[in-house]
Amino acid sequence: LEQGSQQLQGEVLELELETTLAQLYPLDFIEPVKKGAKGADVIQTVCMRSGTVCGKIVWETKRAENWSNAWVSKLKTDVQNAAG
């Protein structure tokens, strides 16, 4: 039950991030990573007014009591995968 609650909290946090990014950056493409798929939580493709793509921002959200250094290496891998 507790695991399900933590998972639900994480999903709510991801949805909040997606909504906030879409509101703040309406020209950008905000793409959630499918549940269960490897990778970060959200990929933000940054676009100029002309529609030209400038780059990507890879977002990973965590709602945890304790920090894990393993998250940093996972995010670096996710960034490389999103670029390729």
PDB file of N, CA and C in Angstrom:
ATOM      1  N   LEU A   1       0.833  -1.193   0.000  1.00  0.00           N
ATOM      2  CA  LEU A   1       0.000   0.000   0.000  1.00  0.00           C
ATOM      3  C   LEU A   1       0.872   1.250   0.000  1.00  0.00           C
ATOM      4  N   GLU A   2       1.924   1.231   0.847  1.00  0.00           N
ATOM      5  CA  GLU A   2       2.810   2.394   0.919  1.00  0.00           C
ATOM      6  C   GLU A   2       3.528   2.619  -0.406  1.00  0.00           C
ATOM      7  N   GLN A   3       3.973   1.549  -1.065  1.00  0.00           N
ATOM      8  CA  GLN A   3       4.650   1.666  -2.360  1.00  0.00           C
ATOM      9  C   GLN A   3       3.722   2.297  -3.385  1.00  0.00           C
ATOM     10  N   GLY A   4       2.477   1.877  -3.408  1.00  0.00           N
ATOM     11  CA  GLY A   4       1.515   2.451  -4.338  1.00  0.00           C
ATOM     12  C   GLY A   4       1.304   3.928  -4.079  1.00  0.00           C
ATOM     13  N   SER A   5       1.274   4.290  -2.808  1.00  0.00           N
ATOM     14  CA  SER A   5       1.102   5.690  -2.452  1.00  0.00           C
ATOM     15  C   SER A   5       2.303   6.514  -2.914  1.00  0.00           C
ATOM     16  N   GLN A   6       3.515   6.005  -2.741  1.00  0.00           N
ATOM     17  CA  GLN A   6       4.713   6.710  -3.187  1.00  0.00           C
ATOM     18  C   GLN A   6       4.721   6.841  -4.706  1.00  0.00           C
ATOM     19  N   GLN A   7       4.333   5.786  -5.394  1.00  0.00           N
ATOM     20  CA  GLN A   7       4.275   5.816  -6.857  1.00  0.00           C
ATOM     21  C   GLN A   7       3.263   6.849  -7.323  1.00  0.00           C
ATOM     22  N   LEU A   8       2.112   6.896  -6.684  1.00  0.00           N
ATOM     23  CA  LEU A   8       1.079   7.864  -7.033  1.00  0.00           C
ATOM     24  C   LEU A   8       1.572   9.293  -6.787  1.00  0.00           C
ATOM     25  N   GLN A   9       2.268   9.516  -5.681  1.00  0.00           N
ATOM     26  CA  GLN A   9       2.818  10.839  -5.387  1.00  0.00           C
ATOM     27  C   GLN A   9       3.822  11.251  -6.466  1.00  0.00           C
ATOM     28  N   GLY A  10       4.636  10.296  -6.905  1.00  0.00           N
ATOM     29  CA  GLY A  10       5.603  10.580  -7.963  1.00  0.00           C
ATOM     30  C   GLY A  10       4.928  10.933  -9.275  1.00  0.00           C
ATOM     31  N   GLU A  11       3.851  10.233  -9.602  1.00  0.00           N
ATOM     32  CA  GLU A  11       3.120  10.512 -10.835  1.00  0.00           C
ATOM     33  C   GLU A  11       2.451  11.886 -10.781  1.00  0.00           C
ATOM     34  N   VAL A  12       1.934  12.254  -9.624  1.00  0.00           N
ATOM     35  CA  VAL A  12       1.321  13.569  -9.459  1.00  0.00           C
ATOM     36  C   VAL A  12       2.382  14.655  -9.625  1.00  0.00           C
ATOM     37  N   LEU A  13       3.562  14.434  -9.061  1.00  0.00           N
ATOM     38  CA  LEU A  13       4.659  15.391  -9.196  1.00  0.00           C
ATOM     39  C   LEU A  13       5.052  15.567 -10.665  1.00  0.00           C
ATOM     40  N   GLU A  14       5.128  14.475 -11.408  1.00  0.00           N
ATOM     41  CA  GLU A  14       5.447  14.539 -12.836  1.00  0.00           C
ATOM     42  C   GLU A  14       4.387  15.328 -13.603  1.00  0.00           C
ATOM     43  N   LEU A  15       3.119  15.086 -13.300  1.00  0.00           N
ATOM     44  CA  LEU A  15       2.034  15.820 -13.969  1.00  0.00           C
ATOM     45  C   LEU A  15       2.096  17.314 -13.645  1.00  0.00           C
ATOM     46  N   GLU A  16       2.424  17.631 -12.409  1.00  0.00           N
ATOM     47  CA  GLU A  16       2.576  19.040 -12.023  1.00  0.00           C
ATOM     48  C   GLU A  16       3.702  19.691 -12.821  1.00  0.00           C
ATOM     49  N   LEU A  17       4.811  18.973 -12.969  1.00  0.00           N
ATOM     50  CA  LEU A  17       5.942  19.496 -13.736  1.00  0.00           C
ATOM     51  C   LEU A  17       5.540  19.723 -15.189  1.00  0.00           C
ATOM     52  N   GLU A  18       4.887  18.751 -15.799  1.00  0.00           N
ATOM     53  CA  GLU A  18       4.446  18.885 -17.192  1.00  0.00           C
ATOM     54  C   GLU A  18       3.532  20.097 -17.367  1.00  0.00           C
ATOM     55  N   THR A  19       2.573  20.255 -16.473  1.00  0.00           N
ATOM     56  CA  THR A  19       1.622  21.362 -16.554  1.00  0.00           C
ATOM     57  C   THR A  19       2.330  22.705 -16.392  1.00  0.00           C
ATOM     58  N   THR A  20       3.222  22.784 -15.413  1.00  0.00           N
ATOM     59  CA  THR A  20       3.946  24.031 -15.164  1.00  0.00           C
ATOM     60  C   THR A  20       4.819  24.407 -16.356  1.00  0.00           C
ATOM     61  N   LEU A  21       5.549  23.437 -16.896  1.00  0.00           N
ATOM     62  CA  LEU A  21       6.407  23.714 -18.046  1.00  0.00           C
ATOM     63  C   LEU A  21       5.582  24.166 -19.253  1.00  0.00           C
ATOM     64  N   ALA A  22       4.466  23.502 -19.497  1.00  0.00           N
ATOM     65  CA  ALA A  22       3.606  23.866 -20.639  1.00  0.00           C
ATOM     66  C   ALA A  22       3.057  25.285 -20.488  1.00  0.00           C
ATOM     67  N   GLN A  23       2.737  25.689 -19.263  1.00  0.00           N
ATOM     68  CA  GLN A  23       2.228  27.038 -19.032  1.00  0.00           C
ATOM     69  C   GLN A  23       3.329  28.084 -19.178  1.00  0.00           C
ATOM     70  N   LEU A  24       4.513  27.793 -18.647  1.00  0.00           N
ATOM     71  CA  LEU A  24       5.614  28.754 -18.679  1.00  0.00           C
ATOM     72  C   LEU A  24       6.273  28.876 -20.046  1.00  0.00           C
ATOM     73  N   TYR A  25       6.268  27.785 -20.811  1.00  0.00           N
ATOM     74  CA  TYR A  25       6.967  27.743 -22.099  1.00  0.00           C
ATOM     75  C   TYR A  25       6.040  27.223 -23.190  1.00  0.00           C
ATOM     76  N   PRO A  26       5.066  28.019 -23.590  1.00  0.00           N
ATOM     77  CA  PRO A  26       4.060  27.546 -24.550  1.00  0.00           C
ATOM     78  C   PRO A  26       4.623  27.237 -25.936  1.00  0.00           C
ATOM     79  N   LEU A  27       5.792  27.740 -26.282  1.00  0.00           N
ATOM     80  CA  LEU A  27       6.378  27.446 -27.594  1.00  0.00           C
ATOM     81  C   LEU A  27       7.129  26.113 -27.613  1.00  0.00           C
ATOM     82  N   ASP A  28       7.436  25.609 -26.434  1.00  0.00           N
ATOM     83  CA  ASP A  28       8.209  24.366 -26.330  1.00  0.00           C
ATOM     84  C   ASP A  28       7.301  23.147 -26.394  1.00  0.00           C
ATOM     85  N   PHE A  29       7.902  22.029 -26.766  1.00  0.00           N
ATOM     86  CA  PHE A  29       7.194  20.760 -26.800  1.00  0.00           C
ATOM     87  C   PHE A  29       7.538  20.006 -25.516  1.00  0.00           C
ATOM     88  N   ILE A  30       6.535  19.744 -24.685  1.00  0.00           N
ATOM     89  CA  ILE A  30       6.721  19.049 -23.411  1.00  0.00           C
ATOM     90  C   ILE A  30       6.243  17.617 -23.589  1.00  0.00           C
ATOM     91  N   GLU A  31       7.158  16.686 -23.472  1.00  0.00           N
ATOM     92  CA  GLU A  31       6.848  15.276 -23.745  1.00  0.00           C
ATOM     93  C   GLU A  31       7.083  14.415 -22.505  1.00  0.00           C
ATOM     94  N   PRO A  32       6.018  13.867 -21.928  1.00  0.00           N
ATOM     95  CA  PRO A  32       6.216  12.948 -20.805  1.00  0.00           C
ATOM     96  C   PRO A  32       6.779  11.620 -21.311  1.00  0.00           C
ATOM     97  N   VAL A  33       7.647  11.033 -20.531  1.00  0.00           N
ATOM     98  CA  VAL A  33       8.162   9.701 -20.866  1.00  0.00           C
ATOM     99  C   VAL A  33       7.140   8.702 -20.340  1.00  0.00           C
ATOM    100  N   LYS A  34       6.773   7.748 -21.173  1.00  0.00           N
ATOM    101  CA  LYS A  34       5.730   6.790 -20.815  1.00  0.00           C
ATOM    102  C   LYS A  34       6.083   6.042 -19.533  1.00  0.00           C
ATOM    103  N   LYS A  35       5.071   5.768 -18.746  1.00  0.00           N
ATOM    104  CA  LYS A  35       5.259   5.020 -17.505  1.00  0.00           C
ATOM    105  C   LYS A  35       5.837   3.647 -17.816  1.00  0.00           C
ATOM    106  N   GLY A  36       6.828   3.261 -17.044  1.00  0.00           N
ATOM    107  CA  GLY A  36       7.463   1.969 -17.240  1.00  0.00           C
ATOM    108  C   GLY A  36       8.583   1.982 -18.254  1.00  0.00           C
ATOM    109  N   ALA A  37       8.692   3.056 -19.037  1.00  0.00           N
ATOM    110  CA  ALA A  37       9.766   3.161 -20.028  1.00  0.00           C
ATOM    111  C   ALA A  37      11.026   3.675 -19.342  1.00  0.00           C
ATOM    112  N   LYS A  38      12.173   3.233 -19.845  1.00  0.00           N
ATOM    113  CA  LYS A  38      13.424   3.737 -19.306  1.00  0.00           C
ATOM    114  C   LYS A  38      13.604   5.182 -19.733  1.00  0.00           C
ATOM    115  N   GLY A  39      14.171   5.962 -18.865  1.00  0.00           N
ATOM    116  CA  GLY A  39      14.436   7.347 -19.200  1.00  0.00           C
ATOM    117  C   GLY A  39      13.983   8.296 -18.122  1.00  0.00           C
ATOM    118  N   ALA A  40      14.139   9.567 -18.403  1.00  0.00           N
ATOM    119  CA  ALA A  40      13.747  10.609 -17.466  1.00  0.00           C
ATOM    120  C   ALA A  40      12.227  10.709 -17.409  1.00  0.00           C
ATOM    121  N   ASP A  41      11.732  11.682 -16.670  1.00  0.00           N
ATOM    122  CA  ASP A  41      10.283  11.831 -16.526  1.00  0.00           C
ATOM    123  C   ASP A  41       9.670  12.685 -17.633  1.00  0.00           C
ATOM    124  N   VAL A  42      10.376  13.756 -18.007  1.00  0.00           N
ATOM    125  CA  VAL A  42       9.851  14.689 -18.998  1.00  0.00           C
ATOM    126  C   VAL A  42      11.003  15.172 -19.875  1.00  0.00           C
ATOM    127  N   ILE A  43      10.739  15.274 -21.183  1.00  0.00           N
ATOM    128  CA  ILE A  43      11.694  15.859 -22.124  1.00  0.00           C
ATOM    129  C   ILE A  43      11.081  17.157 -22.636  1.00  0.00           C
ATOM    130  N   GLN A  44      11.805  18.245 -22.454  1.00  0.00           N
ATOM    131  CA  GLN A  44      11.356  19.553 -22.941  1.00  0.00           C
ATOM    132  C   GLN A  44      12.193  19.917 -24.156  1.00  0.00           C
ATOM    133  N   THR A  45      11.559  20.009 -25.320  1.00  0.00           N
ATOM    134  CA  THR A  45      12.244  20.459 -26.530  1.00  0.00           C
ATOM    135  C   THR A  45      12.039  21.957 -26.635  1.00  0.00           C
ATOM    136  N   VAL A  46      13.135  22.700 -26.541  1.00  0.00           N
ATOM    137  CA  VAL A  46      13.089  24.160 -26.519  1.00  0.00           C
ATOM    138  C   VAL A  46      13.044  24.688 -27.950  1.00  0.00           C
ATOM    139  N   CYS A  47      12.056  25.547 -28.222  1.00  0.00           N
ATOM    140  CA  CYS A  47      11.858  26.084 -29.571  1.00  0.00           C
ATOM    141  C   CYS A  47      11.845  27.610 -29.557  1.00  0.00           C
ATOM    142  N   MET A  48      12.368  28.186 -30.635  1.00  0.00           N
ATOM    143  CA  MET A  48      12.290  29.632 -30.828  1.00  0.00           C
ATOM    144  C   MET A  48      10.911  29.963 -31.394  1.00  0.00           C
ATOM    145  N   ARG A  49      10.573  31.225 -31.451  1.00  0.00           N
ATOM    146  CA  ARG A  49       9.275  31.641 -32.011  1.00  0.00           C
ATOM    147  C   ARG A  49       9.111  31.175 -33.454  1.00  0.00           C
ATOM    148  N   SER A  50      10.222  31.067 -34.165  1.00  0.00           N
ATOM    149  CA  SER A  50      10.175  30.618 -35.557  1.00  0.00           C
ATOM    150  C   SER A  50       9.879  29.126 -35.680  1.00  0.00           C
ATOM    151  N   GLY A  51       9.951  28.419 -34.550  1.00  0.00           N
ATOM    152  CA  GLY A  51       9.743  26.975 -34.568  1.00  0.00           C
ATOM    153  C   GLY A  51      11.035  26.194 -34.605  1.00  0.00           C
ATOM    154  N   THR A  52      12.150  26.894 -34.757  1.00  0.00           N
ATOM    155  CA  THR A  52      13.461  26.245 -34.775  1.00  0.00           C
ATOM    156  C   THR A  52      13.751  25.637 -33.408  1.00  0.00           C
ATOM    157  N   VAL A  53      14.174  24.382 -33.421  1.00  0.00           N
ATOM    158  CA  VAL A  53      14.515  23.689 -32.186  1.00  0.00           C
ATOM    159  C   VAL A  53      15.898  24.136 -31.727  1.00  0.00           C
ATOM    160  N   CYS A  54      15.981  24.546 -30.465  1.00  0.00           N
ATOM    161  CA  CYS A  54      17.249  25.015 -29.887  1.00  0.00           C
ATOM    162  C   CYS A  54      17.970  23.914 -29.121  1.00  0.00           C
ATOM    163  N   GLY A  55      17.225  22.973 -28.574  1.00  0.00           N
ATOM    164  CA  GLY A  55      17.834  21.915 -27.777  1.00  0.00           C
ATOM    165  C   GLY A  55      16.781  21.234 -26.920  1.00  0.00           C
ATOM    166  N   LYS A  56      17.254  20.407 -26.015  1.00  0.00           N
ATOM    167  CA  LYS A  56      16.358  19.658 -25.135  1.00  0.00           C
ATOM    168  C   LYS A  56      16.806  19.809 -23.694  1.00  0.00           C
ATOM    169  N   ILE A  57      15.833  19.792 -22.816  1.00  0.00           N
ATOM    170  CA  ILE A  57      16.080  19.739 -21.375  1.00  0.00           C
ATOM    171  C   ILE A  57      15.457  18.453 -20.872  1.00  0.00           C
ATOM    172  N   VAL A  58      16.225  17.680 -20.152  1.00  0.00           N
ATOM    173  CA  VAL A  58      15.764  16.404 -19.615  1.00  0.00           C
ATOM    174  C   VAL A  58      15.449  16.599 -18.134  1.00  0.00           C
ATOM    175  N   TRP A  59      14.212  16.331 -17.761  1.00  0.00           N
ATOM    176  CA  TRP A  59      13.748  16.535 -16.392  1.00  0.00           C
ATOM    177  C   TRP A  59      13.534  15.198 -15.694  1.00  0.00           C
ATOM    178  N   GLU A  60      14.027  15.103 -14.480  1.00  0.00           N
ATOM    179  CA  GLU A  60      13.798  13.944 -13.615  1.00  0.00           C
ATOM    180  C   GLU A  60      13.296  14.491 -12.285  1.00  0.00           C
ATOM    181  N   THR A  61      12.167  14.013 -11.833  1.00  0.00           N
ATOM    182  CA  THR A  61      11.616  14.473 -10.562  1.00  0.00           C
ATOM    183  C   THR A  61      11.749  13.379  -9.511  1.00  0.00           C
ATOM    184  N   LYS A  62      11.957  13.813  -8.297  1.00  0.00           N
ATOM    185  CA  LYS A  62      12.021  12.876  -7.168  1.00  0.00           C
ATOM    186  C   LYS A  62      11.314  13.491  -5.984  1.00  0.00           C
ATOM    187  N   ARG A  63      10.544  12.703  -5.333  1.00  0.00           N
ATOM    188  CA  ARG A  63       9.949  13.100  -4.064  1.00  0.00           C
ATOM    189  C   ARG A  63      10.425  12.046  -3.064  1.00  0.00           C
ATOM    190  N   ALA A  64      11.568  12.338  -2.466  1.00  0.00           N
ATOM    191  CA  ALA A  64      12.185  11.360  -1.586  1.00  0.00           C
ATOM    192  C   ALA A  64      12.730  12.053  -0.341  1.00  0.00           C
ATOM    193  N   GLU A  65      12.793  11.313   0.696  1.00  0.00           N
ATOM    194  CA  GLU A  65      13.304  11.854   1.953  1.00  0.00           C
ATOM    195  C   GLU A  65      14.823  11.948   1.938  1.00  0.00           C
ATOM    196  N   ASN A  66      15.472  11.022   1.246  1.00  0.00           N
ATOM    197  CA  ASN A  66      16.928  10.967   1.229  1.00  0.00           C
ATOM    198  C   ASN A  66      17.460  11.043  -0.193  1.00  0.00           C
ATOM    199  N   TRP A  67      18.585  11.690  -0.354  1.00  0.00           N
ATOM    200  CA  TRP A  67      19.260  11.835  -1.638  1.00  0.00           C
ATOM    201  C   TRP A  67      20.001  10.549  -1.994  1.00  0.00           C
ATOM    202  N   SER A  68      20.040  10.232  -3.279  1.00  0.00           N
ATOM    203  CA  SER A  68      20.813   9.093  -3.770  1.00  0.00           C
ATOM    204  C   SER A  68      21.737   9.563  -4.888  1.00  0.00           C
ATOM    205  N   ASN A  69      23.037   9.351  -4.732  1.00  0.00           N
ATOM    206  CA  ASN A  69      23.996   9.733  -5.766  1.00  0.00           C
ATOM    207  C   ASN A  69      23.774   8.957  -7.067  1.00  0.00           C
ATOM    208  N   ALA A  70      23.135   7.808  -6.979  1.00  0.00           N
ATOM    209  CA  ALA A  70      22.860   7.002  -8.178  1.00  0.00           C
ATOM    210  C   ALA A  70      21.944   7.750  -9.146  1.00  0.00           C
ATOM    211  N   TRP A  71      21.147   8.677  -8.642  1.00  0.00           N
ATOM    212  CA  TRP A  71      20.243   9.440  -9.510  1.00  0.00           C
ATOM    213  C   TRP A  71      21.019  10.286 -10.507  1.00  0.00           C
ATOM    214  N   VAL A  72      22.180  10.774 -10.112  1.00  0.00           N
ATOM    215  CA  VAL A  72      22.980  11.635 -10.994  1.00  0.00           C
ATOM    216  C   VAL A  72      23.464  10.848 -12.201  1.00  0.00           C
ATOM    217  N   SER A  73      24.023   9.674 -11.980  1.00  0.00           N
ATOM    218  CA  SER A  73      24.515   8.870 -13.109  1.00  0.00           C
ATOM    219  C   SER A  73      23.359   8.401 -13.989  1.00  0.00           C
ATOM    220  N   LYS A  74      22.201   8.098 -13.389  1.00  0.00           N
ATOM    221  CA  LYS A  74      21.036   7.705 -14.184  1.00  0.00           C
ATOM    222  C   LYS A  74      20.592   8.864 -15.074  1.00  0.00           C
ATOM    223  N   LEU A  75      20.573  10.085 -14.532  1.00  0.00           N
ATOM    224  CA  LEU A  75      20.156  11.239 -15.314  1.00  0.00           C
ATOM    225  C   LEU A  75      21.134  11.492 -16.449  1.00  0.00           C
ATOM    226  N   LYS A  76      22.426  11.326 -16.201  1.00  0.00           N
ATOM    227  CA  LYS A  76      23.419  11.507 -17.273  1.00  0.00           C
ATOM    228  C   LYS A  76      23.163  10.516 -18.403  1.00  0.00           C
ATOM    229  N   THR A  77      22.845   9.299 -18.056  1.00  0.00           N
ATOM    230  CA  THR A  77      22.514   8.292 -19.070  1.00  0.00           C
ATOM    231  C   THR A  77      21.238   8.680 -19.814  1.00  0.00           C
ATOM    232  N   ASP A  78      20.235   9.157 -19.081  1.00  0.00           N
ATOM    233  CA  ASP A  78      18.978   9.584 -19.713  1.00  0.00           C
ATOM    234  C   ASP A  78      19.207  10.735 -20.684  1.00  0.00           C
ATOM    235  N   VAL A  79      20.105  11.667 -20.322  1.00  0.00           N
ATOM    236  CA  VAL A  79      20.422  12.805 -21.206  1.00  0.00           C
ATOM    237  C   VAL A  79      21.058  12.300 -22.499  1.00  0.00           C
ATOM    238  N   GLN A  80      21.995  11.369 -22.381  1.00  0.00           N
ATOM    239  CA  GLN A  80      22.649  10.809 -23.574  1.00  0.00           C
ATOM    240  C   GLN A  80      21.632  10.095 -24.449  1.00  0.00           C
ATOM    241  N   ASN A  81      20.725   9.355 -23.855  1.00  0.00           N
ATOM    242  CA  ASN A  81      19.709   8.638 -24.629  1.00  0.00           C
ATOM    243  C   ASN A  81      18.739   9.592 -25.313  1.00  0.00           C
ATOM    244  N   ALA A  82      18.396  10.685 -24.635  1.00  0.00           N
ATOM    245  CA  ALA A  82      17.471  11.673 -25.225  1.00  0.00           C
ATOM    246  C   ALA A  82      18.121  12.411 -26.387  1.00  0.00           C
ATOM    247  N   ALA A  83      19.435  12.582 -26.335  1.00  0.00           N
ATOM    248  CA  ALA A  83      20.161  13.297 -27.406  1.00  0.00           C
ATOM    249  C   ALA A  83      20.296  12.426 -28.648  1.00  0.00           C
ATOM    250  N   GLY A  84      20.325  11.137 -28.457  1.00  0.00           N
ATOM    251  CA  GLY A  84      20.563  10.240 -29.577  1.00  0.00           C
ATOM    252  C   GLY A  84      19.328   9.772 -30.195  1.00  0.00           C
TER     253      GLY A  84
END
